[in-house]
């Protein structure tokens, strides 16, 4: 539903929002193999706020020299394993 992935050297930061239950959404912020934040929301307004927070953080990462990856999510795992990070 929503996914943005950023890379800086061997580091990966990913923001995702996905359907979780019939009336809910999972909001997740991950860096490398660590989940920094994971929430399940049933209120769409909270999901919109989370997405706005992700957009602000994405801008901060880009300003700090990170690049946005155009690889599909399935290809992020091999990139992590090549960097020595095990998932």
Foldseek 3Di string as FASTA:
>chain_A
DDKWWKDDPLKIWMWDWAADDPQWIWTWIDILHDTPDIDIDNDVVVVVVSVVVVVVVVVVCVVVPIGIDPDPPVVVQVSNVVSVRHD
